[in-house]
């Protein structure tokens, strides 16, 4: 497996680096074939892990394995996993004795690692639920930074037709504006179920 990864790195470097155009056609073709194989293997791996995470029992019976599977989806930046990660966004592991922090929610951390592709569905979830708004705001700040996350939430609020959903997004925007990514790992923010700080 490691040799395949190195072959891909070397192949891509030869195709795009300073030696581009100087490698023999067979080598370039081999590098492309290796890269295509790696893309297929990645897709298969993501599908297998998504199927694993889609099992409700896993979270109850083996939360450590569930947390590891979710972490892999984040590390793979698996955009296909966004719906299932949102479904389990409140999964908390390990249980923190000092109060909730973003790192205690593996699905939220995975969504932050996936990045902007997770944002539209996350904002939609946030508009409908106070706990999701608390957690989702921190994820958006991790993705976009405080100012851009606040702007994204204000834009979504402007398009929202339901008053309570609009207000929730505006409160989330205020919360986001005051956050800094380095604070996301500390438990000093309002906990799920308590709303946003006044």
N, C-alpha and C. Protein backbone atom coordinates (compact mmCIF):
# COMPACT_ATOMS: atom_id res chain seq x y z
N UNK A 1 0.82 -1.20 0.00
CA UNK A 1 0.00 0.00 0.00
C UNK A 1 0.87 1.26 0.00
N UNK A 2 1.93 1.23 0.85
CA UNK A 2 2.80 2.39 0.92
C UNK A 2 3.52 2.60 -0.41
N UNK A 3 3.95 1.51 -1.06
CA UNK A 3 4.63 1.63 -2.34
C UNK A 3 3.71 2.25 -3.39
N UNK A 4 2.42 1.90 -3.34
CA UNK A 4 1.45 2.46 -4.28
C UNK A 4 1.32 3.97 -4.06
N UNK A 5 1.27 4.38 -2.79
CA UNK A 5 1.16 5.81 -2.49
C UNK A 5 2.37 6.56 -3.02
N UNK A 6 3.57 6.00 -2.76
CA UNK A 6 4.77 6.65 -3.25
C UNK A 6 4.79 6.69 -4.77
N UNK A 7 4.32 5.65 -5.39
CA UNK A 7 4.27 5.63 -6.86
C UNK A 7 3.36 6.73 -7.38
N UNK A 8 2.25 6.94 -6.69
CA UNK A 8 1.33 8.00 -7.11
C UNK A 8 1.98 9.36 -6.93
N UNK A 9 2.61 9.59 -5.77
CA UNK A 9 3.27 10.86 -5.52
C UNK A 9 4.35 11.12 -6.55
N UNK A 10 5.18 10.12 -6.80
CA UNK A 10 6.25 10.27 -7.78
C UNK A 10 5.66 10.49 -9.17
N UNK A 11 4.61 9.74 -9.50
CA UNK A 11 3.98 9.88 -10.82
C UNK A 11 3.39 11.26 -11.03
N UNK A 12 2.68 11.75 -10.03
CA UNK A 12 2.09 13.09 -10.14
C UNK A 12 3.18 14.14 -10.21
N UNK A 13 4.24 13.96 -9.43
CA UNK A 13 5.36 14.91 -9.47
C UNK A 13 5.99 14.93 -10.86
N UNK A 14 6.18 13.77 -11.45
CA UNK A 14 6.76 13.72 -12.80
C UNK A 14 5.85 14.37 -13.82
N UNK A 15 4.55 14.22 -13.65
CA UNK A 15 3.61 14.79 -14.61
C UNK A 15 3.47 16.29 -14.47
N UNK A 16 3.64 16.81 -13.27
CA UNK A 16 3.36 18.22 -13.05
C UNK A 16 4.58 19.02 -12.63
N UNK A 17 5.66 18.36 -12.26
CA UNK A 17 6.83 19.03 -11.72
C UNK A 17 7.79 19.52 -12.79
N UNK A 18 9.02 19.81 -12.35
CA UNK A 18 10.01 20.38 -13.27
C UNK A 18 10.41 19.42 -14.39
N UNK A 19 10.17 18.13 -14.19
CA UNK A 19 10.53 17.17 -15.23
C UNK A 19 9.36 16.84 -16.15
N UNK A 20 8.26 17.56 -16.01
CA UNK A 20 7.08 17.28 -16.84
C UNK A 20 7.47 17.33 -18.31
N UNK A 21 6.99 16.37 -19.04
CA UNK A 21 7.28 16.30 -20.46
C UNK A 21 8.58 15.57 -20.78
N UNK A 22 9.37 15.28 -19.73
CA UNK A 22 10.63 14.60 -19.98
C UNK A 22 10.56 13.12 -19.65
N UNK A 23 9.46 12.67 -18.98
CA UNK A 23 9.38 11.25 -18.65
C UNK A 23 8.82 10.48 -19.85
N UNK A 24 9.24 9.26 -20.00
CA UNK A 24 8.75 8.45 -21.12
C UNK A 24 7.24 8.26 -21.04
N UNK A 25 6.60 8.07 -22.17
CA UNK A 25 5.15 7.92 -22.23
C UNK A 25 4.68 6.75 -21.39
N UNK A 26 5.41 5.65 -21.40
CA UNK A 26 5.00 4.47 -20.62
C UNK A 26 4.97 4.81 -19.14
N UNK A 27 5.94 5.56 -18.65
CA UNK A 27 5.98 5.95 -17.25
C UNK A 27 4.79 6.85 -16.91
N UNK A 28 4.49 7.78 -17.77
CA UNK A 28 3.35 8.67 -17.54
C UNK A 28 2.05 7.86 -17.53
N UNK A 29 1.92 6.94 -18.47
CA UNK A 29 0.72 6.11 -18.52
C UNK A 29 0.59 5.25 -17.26
N UNK A 30 1.73 4.71 -16.80
CA UNK A 30 1.71 3.92 -15.58
C UNK A 30 1.31 4.76 -14.39
N UNK A 31 1.84 5.97 -14.32
CA UNK A 31 1.50 6.87 -13.21
C UNK A 31 0.01 7.21 -13.22
N UNK A 32 -0.53 7.45 -14.39
CA UNK A 32 -1.96 7.75 -14.50
C UNK A 32 -2.78 6.54 -14.11
N UNK A 33 -2.39 5.37 -14.55
CA UNK A 33 -3.11 4.14 -14.19
C UNK A 33 -3.08 3.93 -12.68
N UNK A 34 -1.92 4.16 -12.05
CA UNK A 34 -1.80 4.03 -10.59
C UNK A 34 -2.72 5.03 -9.89
N UNK A 35 -2.75 6.25 -10.40
CA UNK A 35 -3.61 7.28 -9.80
C UNK A 35 -5.08 6.91 -9.92
N UNK A 36 -5.48 6.39 -11.08
CA UNK A 36 -6.87 5.97 -11.27
C UNK A 36 -7.22 4.82 -10.32
N UNK A 37 -6.29 3.91 -10.12
CA UNK A 37 -6.50 2.80 -9.17
C UNK A 37 -6.67 3.35 -7.76
N UNK A 38 -5.86 4.33 -7.40
CA UNK A 38 -5.96 4.93 -6.07
C UNK A 38 -7.29 5.65 -5.88
N UNK A 39 -7.77 6.32 -6.91
CA UNK A 39 -9.07 7.01 -6.82
C UNK A 39 -10.19 5.99 -6.61
N UNK A 40 -10.15 4.89 -7.35
CA UNK A 40 -11.17 3.84 -7.17
C UNK A 40 -11.09 3.24 -5.77
N UNK A 41 -9.87 2.99 -5.30
CA UNK A 41 -9.69 2.41 -3.96
C UNK A 41 -10.21 3.37 -2.89
N UNK A 42 -9.98 4.66 -3.07
CA UNK A 42 -10.48 5.66 -2.11
C UNK A 42 -12.01 5.64 -2.08
N UNK A 43 -12.63 5.62 -3.25
CA UNK A 43 -14.09 5.59 -3.33
C UNK A 43 -14.65 4.34 -2.65
N UNK A 44 -14.01 3.21 -2.88
CA UNK A 44 -14.46 1.96 -2.24
C UNK A 44 -14.28 2.02 -0.73
N UNK A 45 -13.17 2.58 -0.28
CA UNK A 45 -12.93 2.69 1.17
C UNK A 45 -13.96 3.61 1.82
N UNK A 46 -14.25 4.73 1.17
CA UNK A 46 -15.25 5.65 1.72
C UNK A 46 -16.61 4.98 1.79
N UNK A 47 -16.99 4.28 0.73
CA UNK A 47 -18.30 3.59 0.74
C UNK A 47 -18.37 2.58 1.87
N UNK A 48 -17.29 1.85 2.12
CA UNK A 48 -17.29 0.85 3.19
C UNK A 48 -17.40 1.51 4.56
N UNK A 49 -16.70 2.62 4.77
CA UNK A 49 -16.75 3.29 6.07
C UNK A 49 -18.11 3.97 6.26
N UNK A 50 -18.67 4.56 5.21
CA UNK A 50 -20.01 5.15 5.31
C UNK A 50 -21.03 4.08 5.69
N UNK A 51 -20.94 2.91 5.08
CA UNK A 51 -21.86 1.81 5.42
C UNK A 51 -21.69 1.41 6.88
N UNK A 52 -20.47 1.41 7.37
CA UNK A 52 -20.22 1.08 8.76
C UNK A 52 -20.85 2.12 9.69
N UNK A 53 -20.65 3.40 9.38
CA UNK A 53 -21.17 4.50 10.19
C UNK A 53 -22.70 4.56 10.10
N UNK A 54 -23.26 4.06 9.02
CA UNK A 54 -24.71 4.08 8.84
C UNK A 54 -25.42 3.06 9.74
N UNK A 55 -24.67 2.29 10.50
CA UNK A 55 -25.22 1.30 11.41
C UNK A 55 -25.42 1.93 12.80
N UNK A 56 -26.67 2.17 13.18
CA UNK A 56 -27.00 2.80 14.47
C UNK A 56 -26.39 2.05 15.64
N UNK A 57 -26.36 0.73 15.55
CA UNK A 57 -25.86 -0.09 16.65
C UNK A 57 -24.40 0.19 16.97
N UNK A 58 -23.63 0.52 15.97
CA UNK A 58 -22.20 0.76 16.17
C UNK A 58 -21.96 1.83 17.22
N UNK A 59 -22.74 2.90 17.18
CA UNK A 59 -22.54 4.02 18.10
C UNK A 59 -22.83 3.63 19.55
N UNK A 60 -23.78 2.71 19.74
CA UNK A 60 -24.12 2.27 21.09
C UNK A 60 -23.21 1.15 21.58
N UNK A 61 -22.91 0.21 20.71
CA UNK A 61 -22.16 -0.98 21.11
C UNK A 61 -20.65 -0.72 21.15
N UNK A 62 -20.13 0.01 20.18
CA UNK A 62 -18.69 0.24 20.11
C UNK A 62 -18.41 1.70 19.73
N UNK A 63 -18.64 2.63 20.67
CA UNK A 63 -18.46 4.04 20.35
C UNK A 63 -17.03 4.40 19.95
N UNK A 64 -16.05 3.68 20.47
CA UNK A 64 -14.67 3.96 20.10
C UNK A 64 -14.44 3.65 18.62
N UNK A 65 -14.98 2.53 18.16
CA UNK A 65 -14.85 2.17 16.74
C UNK A 65 -15.63 3.16 15.87
N UNK A 66 -16.82 3.57 16.34
CA UNK A 66 -17.60 4.56 15.60
C UNK A 66 -16.82 5.86 15.47
N UNK A 67 -16.21 6.30 16.57
CA UNK A 67 -15.43 7.54 16.55
C UNK A 67 -14.26 7.43 15.57
N UNK A 68 -13.61 6.27 15.54
CA UNK A 68 -12.49 6.07 14.63
C UNK A 68 -12.95 6.08 13.17
N UNK A 69 -14.07 5.43 12.90
CA UNK A 69 -14.62 5.40 11.53
C UNK A 69 -14.98 6.81 11.07
N UNK A 70 -15.60 7.57 11.95
CA UNK A 70 -15.98 8.95 11.64
C UNK A 70 -14.73 9.80 11.39
N UNK A 71 -13.71 9.60 12.21
CA UNK A 71 -12.46 10.34 12.03
C UNK A 71 -11.86 10.06 10.65
N UNK A 72 -11.92 8.80 10.23
CA UNK A 72 -11.40 8.45 8.90
C UNK A 72 -12.15 9.19 7.79
N UNK A 73 -13.46 9.30 7.94
CA UNK A 73 -14.24 10.02 6.92
C UNK A 73 -13.81 11.48 6.84
N UNK A 74 -13.53 12.07 7.99
CA UNK A 74 -13.04 13.44 8.00
C UNK A 74 -11.66 13.56 7.37
N UNK A 75 -10.76 12.64 7.73
CA UNK A 75 -9.41 12.67 7.18
C UNK A 75 -9.42 12.45 5.67
N UNK A 76 -10.38 11.66 5.19
CA UNK A 76 -10.50 11.43 3.75
C UNK A 76 -11.23 12.56 3.03
N UNK A 77 -11.72 13.54 3.80
CA UNK A 77 -12.51 14.65 3.25
C UNK A 77 -13.66 14.11 2.39
N UNK A 78 -14.35 13.13 2.95
CA UNK A 78 -15.38 12.37 2.22
C UNK A 78 -16.69 13.16 2.15
N UNK A 79 -16.86 13.93 1.10
CA UNK A 79 -18.07 14.73 0.93
C UNK A 79 -19.32 13.86 0.88
N UNK A 80 -19.17 12.62 0.38
CA UNK A 80 -20.31 11.71 0.31
C UNK A 80 -20.84 11.34 1.69
N UNK A 81 -20.04 11.56 2.72
CA UNK A 81 -20.42 11.19 4.09
C UNK A 81 -21.18 12.29 4.82
N UNK A 82 -21.31 13.47 4.23
CA UNK A 82 -21.95 14.59 4.93
C UNK A 82 -23.33 14.23 5.47
N UNK A 83 -24.24 13.63 4.69
CA UNK A 83 -25.57 13.33 5.25
C UNK A 83 -25.52 12.41 6.48
N UNK A 84 -24.69 11.38 6.44
CA UNK A 84 -24.63 10.44 7.57
C UNK A 84 -23.95 11.09 8.77
N UNK A 85 -22.98 11.95 8.53
CA UNK A 85 -22.33 12.67 9.64
C UNK A 85 -23.29 13.64 10.30
N UNK A 86 -24.11 14.30 9.51
CA UNK A 86 -25.13 15.21 10.08
C UNK A 86 -26.15 14.42 10.90
N UNK A 87 -26.46 13.23 10.45
CA UNK A 87 -27.42 12.38 11.16
C UNK A 87 -26.91 12.02 12.56
N UNK A 88 -25.59 11.91 12.71
CA UNK A 88 -24.99 11.52 13.98
C UNK A 88 -24.20 12.65 14.63
N UNK A 89 -24.50 13.89 14.26
CA UNK A 89 -23.68 15.02 14.71
C UNK A 89 -23.64 15.18 16.23
N UNK A 90 -24.64 14.68 16.95
CA UNK A 90 -24.65 14.82 18.40
C UNK A 90 -23.91 13.70 19.12
N UNK A 91 -23.39 12.74 18.37
CA UNK A 91 -22.62 11.65 18.97
C UNK A 91 -21.40 12.27 19.66
N UNK A 92 -21.28 11.99 20.95
CA UNK A 92 -20.19 12.57 21.74
C UNK A 92 -19.29 11.47 22.26
N UNK A 93 -18.01 11.55 21.88
CA UNK A 93 -17.04 10.56 22.36
C UNK A 93 -15.65 11.15 22.28
N UNK A 94 -14.86 11.04 23.30
CA UNK A 94 -15.22 10.46 24.59
C UNK A 94 -16.08 11.44 25.39
N UNK A 95 -16.81 10.93 26.33
CA UNK A 95 -17.63 11.79 27.18
C UNK A 95 -16.69 12.66 28.00
N UNK A 96 -16.90 13.95 27.95
CA UNK A 96 -16.01 14.88 28.63
C UNK A 96 -16.55 15.21 30.01
N UNK A 97 -15.66 15.20 30.99
CA UNK A 97 -16.05 15.54 32.35
C UNK A 97 -15.99 17.05 32.58
N UNK A 98 -15.36 17.78 31.69
CA UNK A 98 -15.16 19.20 31.92
C UNK A 98 -16.07 20.08 31.08
N UNK A 99 -17.03 19.50 30.44
CA UNK A 99 -17.94 20.28 29.61
C UNK A 99 -17.66 20.03 28.15
N UNK A 100 -18.65 20.20 27.31
CA UNK A 100 -18.48 19.86 25.89
C UNK A 100 -17.54 20.81 25.16
N UNK A 101 -16.75 20.24 24.31
CA UNK A 101 -15.89 20.99 23.39
C UNK A 101 -16.05 20.34 22.03
N UNK A 102 -15.73 21.05 20.99
CA UNK A 102 -15.93 20.55 19.63
C UNK A 102 -15.26 19.20 19.42
N UNK A 103 -14.07 19.01 19.99
CA UNK A 103 -13.34 17.75 19.78
C UNK A 103 -14.07 16.54 20.34
N UNK A 104 -15.04 16.76 21.24
CA UNK A 104 -15.81 15.67 21.83
C UNK A 104 -16.91 15.16 20.90
N UNK A 105 -17.09 15.81 19.76
CA UNK A 105 -18.13 15.45 18.80
C UNK A 105 -17.46 15.05 17.49
N UNK A 106 -17.10 13.77 17.34
CA UNK A 106 -16.33 13.33 16.18
C UNK A 106 -16.98 13.66 14.83
N UNK A 107 -18.30 13.58 14.75
CA UNK A 107 -18.95 13.89 13.46
C UNK A 107 -18.80 15.37 13.12
N UNK A 108 -18.87 16.23 14.13
CA UNK A 108 -18.68 17.66 13.90
C UNK A 108 -17.25 17.95 13.45
N UNK A 109 -16.28 17.30 14.08
CA UNK A 109 -14.88 17.47 13.68
C UNK A 109 -14.69 16.98 12.25
N UNK A 110 -15.29 15.85 11.90
CA UNK A 110 -15.18 15.32 10.53
C UNK A 110 -15.79 16.30 9.53
N UNK A 111 -16.94 16.89 9.87
CA UNK A 111 -17.56 17.88 8.98
C UNK A 111 -16.64 19.09 8.78
N UNK A 112 -15.99 19.52 9.85
CA UNK A 112 -15.06 20.65 9.72
C UNK A 112 -13.90 20.27 8.80
N UNK A 113 -13.41 19.05 8.90
CA UNK A 113 -12.32 18.61 8.03
C UNK A 113 -12.77 18.49 6.58
N UNK A 114 -14.00 18.08 6.36
CA UNK A 114 -14.52 17.98 5.00
C UNK A 114 -14.58 19.37 4.37
N UNK A 115 -14.95 20.34 5.17
CA UNK A 115 -14.88 21.72 4.71
C UNK A 115 -16.17 22.25 4.11
N UNK A 116 -16.01 23.18 3.19
CA UNK A 116 -17.12 23.93 2.62
C UNK A 116 -18.23 23.09 2.02
N UNK A 117 -17.93 21.91 1.55
CA UNK A 117 -18.97 21.05 0.97
C UNK A 117 -20.01 20.66 2.01
N UNK A 118 -19.63 20.68 3.29
CA UNK A 118 -20.56 20.32 4.36
C UNK A 118 -21.43 21.49 4.79
N UNK A 119 -21.02 22.71 4.46
CA UNK A 119 -21.66 23.90 4.99
C UNK A 119 -23.14 24.07 4.64
N UNK A 120 -23.58 23.93 3.40
CA UNK A 120 -25.00 24.17 3.10
C UNK A 120 -25.95 23.28 3.89
N UNK A 121 -25.67 21.99 3.95
CA UNK A 121 -26.54 21.08 4.70
C UNK A 121 -26.45 21.36 6.20
N UNK A 122 -25.28 21.74 6.67
CA UNK A 122 -25.10 22.06 8.08
C UNK A 122 -25.91 23.30 8.46
N UNK A 123 -25.87 24.32 7.65
CA UNK A 123 -26.63 25.55 7.92
C UNK A 123 -28.13 25.25 7.95
N UNK A 124 -28.58 24.41 7.06
CA UNK A 124 -30.00 24.03 7.04
C UNK A 124 -30.38 23.33 8.34
N UNK A 125 -29.54 22.43 8.81
CA UNK A 125 -29.79 21.76 10.09
C UNK A 125 -29.76 22.75 11.24
N UNK A 126 -28.82 23.68 11.21
CA UNK A 126 -28.68 24.68 12.27
C UNK A 126 -29.92 25.55 12.40
N UNK A 127 -30.53 25.89 11.29
CA UNK A 127 -31.70 26.76 11.33
C UNK A 127 -32.86 26.13 12.08
N UNK A 128 -32.92 24.80 12.10
CA UNK A 128 -34.05 24.12 12.71
C UNK A 128 -33.84 23.62 14.12
N UNK A 129 -32.64 23.78 14.67
CA UNK A 129 -32.38 23.18 15.97
C UNK A 129 -31.32 23.98 16.73
N UNK A 130 -31.62 24.34 17.97
CA UNK A 130 -30.71 25.15 18.78
C UNK A 130 -29.39 24.41 19.07
N UNK A 131 -29.46 23.14 19.40
CA UNK A 131 -28.23 22.38 19.66
C UNK A 131 -27.36 22.31 18.40
N UNK A 132 -28.01 22.08 17.26
CA UNK A 132 -27.26 22.03 16.00
C UNK A 132 -26.66 23.40 15.70
N UNK A 133 -27.35 24.46 16.08
CA UNK A 133 -26.83 25.81 15.84
C UNK A 133 -25.56 26.04 16.67
N UNK A 134 -25.58 25.59 17.92
CA UNK A 134 -24.40 25.74 18.79
C UNK A 134 -23.20 24.99 18.21
N UNK A 135 -23.42 23.73 17.88
CA UNK A 135 -22.34 22.88 17.38
C UNK A 135 -21.93 23.30 15.97
N UNK A 136 -22.93 23.54 15.13
CA UNK A 136 -22.67 23.91 13.74
C UNK A 136 -21.92 25.22 13.59
N UNK A 137 -22.18 26.16 14.49
CA UNK A 137 -21.46 27.43 14.44
C UNK A 137 -19.97 27.19 14.62
N UNK A 138 -19.64 26.34 15.55
CA UNK A 138 -18.22 26.04 15.79
C UNK A 138 -17.59 25.33 14.59
N UNK A 139 -18.36 24.44 13.96
CA UNK A 139 -17.86 23.76 12.76
C UNK A 139 -17.61 24.78 11.65
N UNK A 140 -18.57 25.69 11.44
CA UNK A 140 -18.41 26.70 10.39
C UNK A 140 -17.22 27.60 10.64
N UNK A 141 -16.99 27.97 11.90
CA UNK A 141 -15.82 28.79 12.22
C UNK A 141 -14.55 27.99 11.92
N UNK A 142 -14.57 26.70 12.19
CA UNK A 142 -13.43 25.86 11.84
C UNK A 142 -13.20 25.78 10.34
N UNK A 143 -14.27 25.82 9.57
CA UNK A 143 -14.17 25.75 8.11
C UNK A 143 -13.77 27.09 7.51
N UNK A 144 -14.52 28.14 7.89
CA UNK A 144 -14.42 29.44 7.22
C UNK A 144 -13.62 30.50 7.98
N UNK A 145 -13.46 30.34 9.28
CA UNK A 145 -12.98 31.43 10.12
C UNK A 145 -14.20 32.19 10.64
N UNK A 146 -14.02 32.96 11.68
CA UNK A 146 -15.14 33.62 12.36
C UNK A 146 -15.91 34.58 11.45
N UNK A 147 -15.21 35.48 10.78
CA UNK A 147 -15.88 36.50 9.98
C UNK A 147 -16.66 35.88 8.81
N UNK A 148 -16.04 34.95 8.10
CA UNK A 148 -16.72 34.33 6.96
C UNK A 148 -17.88 33.45 7.42
N UNK A 149 -17.73 32.76 8.55
CA UNK A 149 -18.84 31.95 9.07
C UNK A 149 -20.01 32.84 9.45
N UNK A 150 -19.73 33.96 10.12
CA UNK A 150 -20.79 34.90 10.48
C UNK A 150 -21.48 35.44 9.24
N UNK A 151 -20.71 35.77 8.21
CA UNK A 151 -21.28 36.27 6.96
C UNK A 151 -22.14 35.20 6.29
N UNK A 152 -21.68 33.96 6.28
CA UNK A 152 -22.45 32.85 5.69
C UNK A 152 -23.78 32.70 6.42
N UNK A 153 -23.75 32.77 7.74
CA UNK A 153 -24.97 32.61 8.54
C UNK A 153 -25.93 33.79 8.36
N UNK A 154 -25.40 35.00 8.26
CA UNK A 154 -26.26 36.17 8.01
C UNK A 154 -26.92 36.06 6.63
N UNK A 155 -26.19 35.61 5.64
CA UNK A 155 -26.75 35.43 4.29
C UNK A 155 -27.85 34.38 4.31
N UNK A 156 -27.63 33.28 5.03
CA UNK A 156 -28.67 32.25 5.14
C UNK A 156 -29.88 32.78 5.88
N UNK A 157 -29.66 33.59 6.91
CA UNK A 157 -30.78 34.17 7.67
C UNK A 157 -31.60 35.10 6.79
N UNK A 158 -30.94 35.85 5.93
CA UNK A 158 -31.65 36.78 5.04
C UNK A 158 -32.57 36.05 4.08
N UNK A 159 -32.23 34.80 3.74
CA UNK A 159 -33.05 34.02 2.81
C UNK A 159 -34.12 33.19 3.53
N UNK A 160 -34.03 33.11 4.84
CA UNK A 160 -34.94 32.27 5.63
C UNK A 160 -36.31 32.95 5.77
N UNK A 161 -37.39 32.23 5.48
CA UNK A 161 -38.74 32.80 5.55
C UNK A 161 -39.40 32.60 6.92
N UNK A 162 -38.97 31.60 7.67
CA UNK A 162 -39.54 31.34 8.99
C UNK A 162 -38.80 32.17 10.03
N UNK A 163 -39.56 32.94 10.79
CA UNK A 163 -38.98 33.89 11.73
C UNK A 163 -38.06 33.23 12.77
N UNK A 164 -38.49 32.14 13.40
CA UNK A 164 -37.67 31.51 14.43
C UNK A 164 -36.37 30.95 13.85
N UNK A 165 -36.44 30.37 12.67
CA UNK A 165 -35.24 29.85 12.02
C UNK A 165 -34.29 31.01 11.67
N UNK A 166 -34.86 32.10 11.19
CA UNK A 166 -34.06 33.28 10.85
C UNK A 166 -33.35 33.82 12.09
N UNK A 167 -34.08 33.93 13.20
CA UNK A 167 -33.50 34.44 14.45
C UNK A 167 -32.38 33.52 14.95
N UNK A 168 -32.61 32.22 14.83
CA UNK A 168 -31.60 31.26 15.28
C UNK A 168 -30.31 31.43 14.47
N UNK A 169 -30.44 31.61 13.17
CA UNK A 169 -29.25 31.80 12.34
C UNK A 169 -28.55 33.12 12.65
N UNK A 170 -29.32 34.15 12.97
CA UNK A 170 -28.71 35.43 13.33
C UNK A 170 -27.97 35.33 14.67
N UNK A 171 -28.56 34.61 15.63
CA UNK A 171 -27.85 34.39 16.91
C UNK A 171 -26.57 33.60 16.67
N UNK A 172 -26.66 32.62 15.78
CA UNK A 172 -25.47 31.82 15.45
C UNK A 172 -24.41 32.71 14.81
N UNK A 173 -24.82 33.65 13.96
CA UNK A 173 -23.88 34.56 13.32
C UNK A 173 -23.17 35.42 14.37
N UNK A 174 -23.92 35.91 15.36
CA UNK A 174 -23.30 36.69 16.44
C UNK A 174 -22.31 35.84 17.22
N UNK A 175 -22.70 34.61 17.52
CA UNK A 175 -21.83 33.68 18.24
C UNK A 175 -20.55 33.43 17.43
N UNK A 176 -20.72 33.19 16.13
CA UNK A 176 -19.57 32.91 15.26
C UNK A 176 -18.61 34.08 15.22
N UNK A 177 -19.14 35.29 15.17
CA UNK A 177 -18.29 36.48 15.07
C UNK A 177 -17.36 36.61 16.27
N UNK A 178 -17.76 36.06 17.40
CA UNK A 178 -16.94 36.16 18.60
C UNK A 178 -16.01 34.98 18.83
N UNK A 179 -16.07 33.99 17.98
CA UNK A 179 -15.23 32.80 18.16
C UNK A 179 -13.93 32.92 17.38
N UNK A 180 -12.93 32.22 17.87
CA UNK A 180 -11.66 32.10 17.17
C UNK A 180 -11.34 30.61 17.08
N UNK A 181 -10.83 30.13 15.96
CA UNK A 181 -10.60 28.68 15.81
C UNK A 181 -9.83 28.04 16.97
N UNK A 182 -8.86 28.75 17.57
CA UNK A 182 -8.11 28.14 18.67
C UNK A 182 -8.99 27.93 19.90
N UNK A 183 -10.11 28.63 20.03
CA UNK A 183 -11.01 28.45 21.16
C UNK A 183 -11.94 27.25 20.99
N UNK A 184 -12.03 26.70 19.81
CA UNK A 184 -13.01 25.66 19.53
C UNK A 184 -12.74 24.38 20.30
N UNK A 185 -11.55 24.21 20.80
CA UNK A 185 -11.22 23.01 21.52
C UNK A 185 -11.40 23.15 23.03
N UNK A 186 -11.89 24.31 23.47
CA UNK A 186 -12.08 24.51 24.91
C UNK A 186 -13.55 24.51 25.26
N UNK A 187 -13.88 24.12 26.50
CA UNK A 187 -15.28 23.96 26.88
C UNK A 187 -15.95 25.25 27.37
N UNK A 188 -15.43 26.40 27.07
CA UNK A 188 -15.96 27.62 27.64
C UNK A 188 -17.22 28.17 26.99
N UNK A 189 -17.77 27.52 26.00
CA UNK A 189 -18.93 28.04 25.29
C UNK A 189 -20.21 27.41 25.82
N UNK A 190 -21.33 28.02 25.54
CA UNK A 190 -22.61 27.49 25.99
C UNK A 190 -22.79 26.07 25.49
N UNK A 191 -23.28 25.22 26.35
CA UNK A 191 -23.45 23.81 26.02
C UNK A 191 -24.72 23.58 25.23
N UNK A 192 -24.80 22.45 24.50
CA UNK A 192 -26.04 22.14 23.77
C UNK A 192 -27.22 22.16 24.74
N UNK A 193 -28.30 22.73 24.26
CA UNK A 193 -29.52 22.78 25.08
C UNK A 193 -29.63 24.06 25.89
N UNK A 194 -28.55 24.84 25.98
CA UNK A 194 -28.61 26.06 26.77
C UNK A 194 -28.70 27.29 25.91
N UNK A 195 -28.60 27.15 24.61
CA UNK A 195 -28.68 28.30 23.73
C UNK A 195 -27.35 29.00 23.62
N UNK A 196 -27.38 30.21 23.08
CA UNK A 196 -26.16 30.99 22.89
C UNK A 196 -25.98 31.96 24.04
N UNK A 197 -24.75 32.38 24.29
CA UNK A 197 -24.51 33.37 25.34
C UNK A 197 -25.29 34.65 25.03
N UNK A 198 -25.76 35.32 26.07
CA UNK A 198 -26.50 36.60 25.86
C UNK A 198 -25.56 37.73 25.52
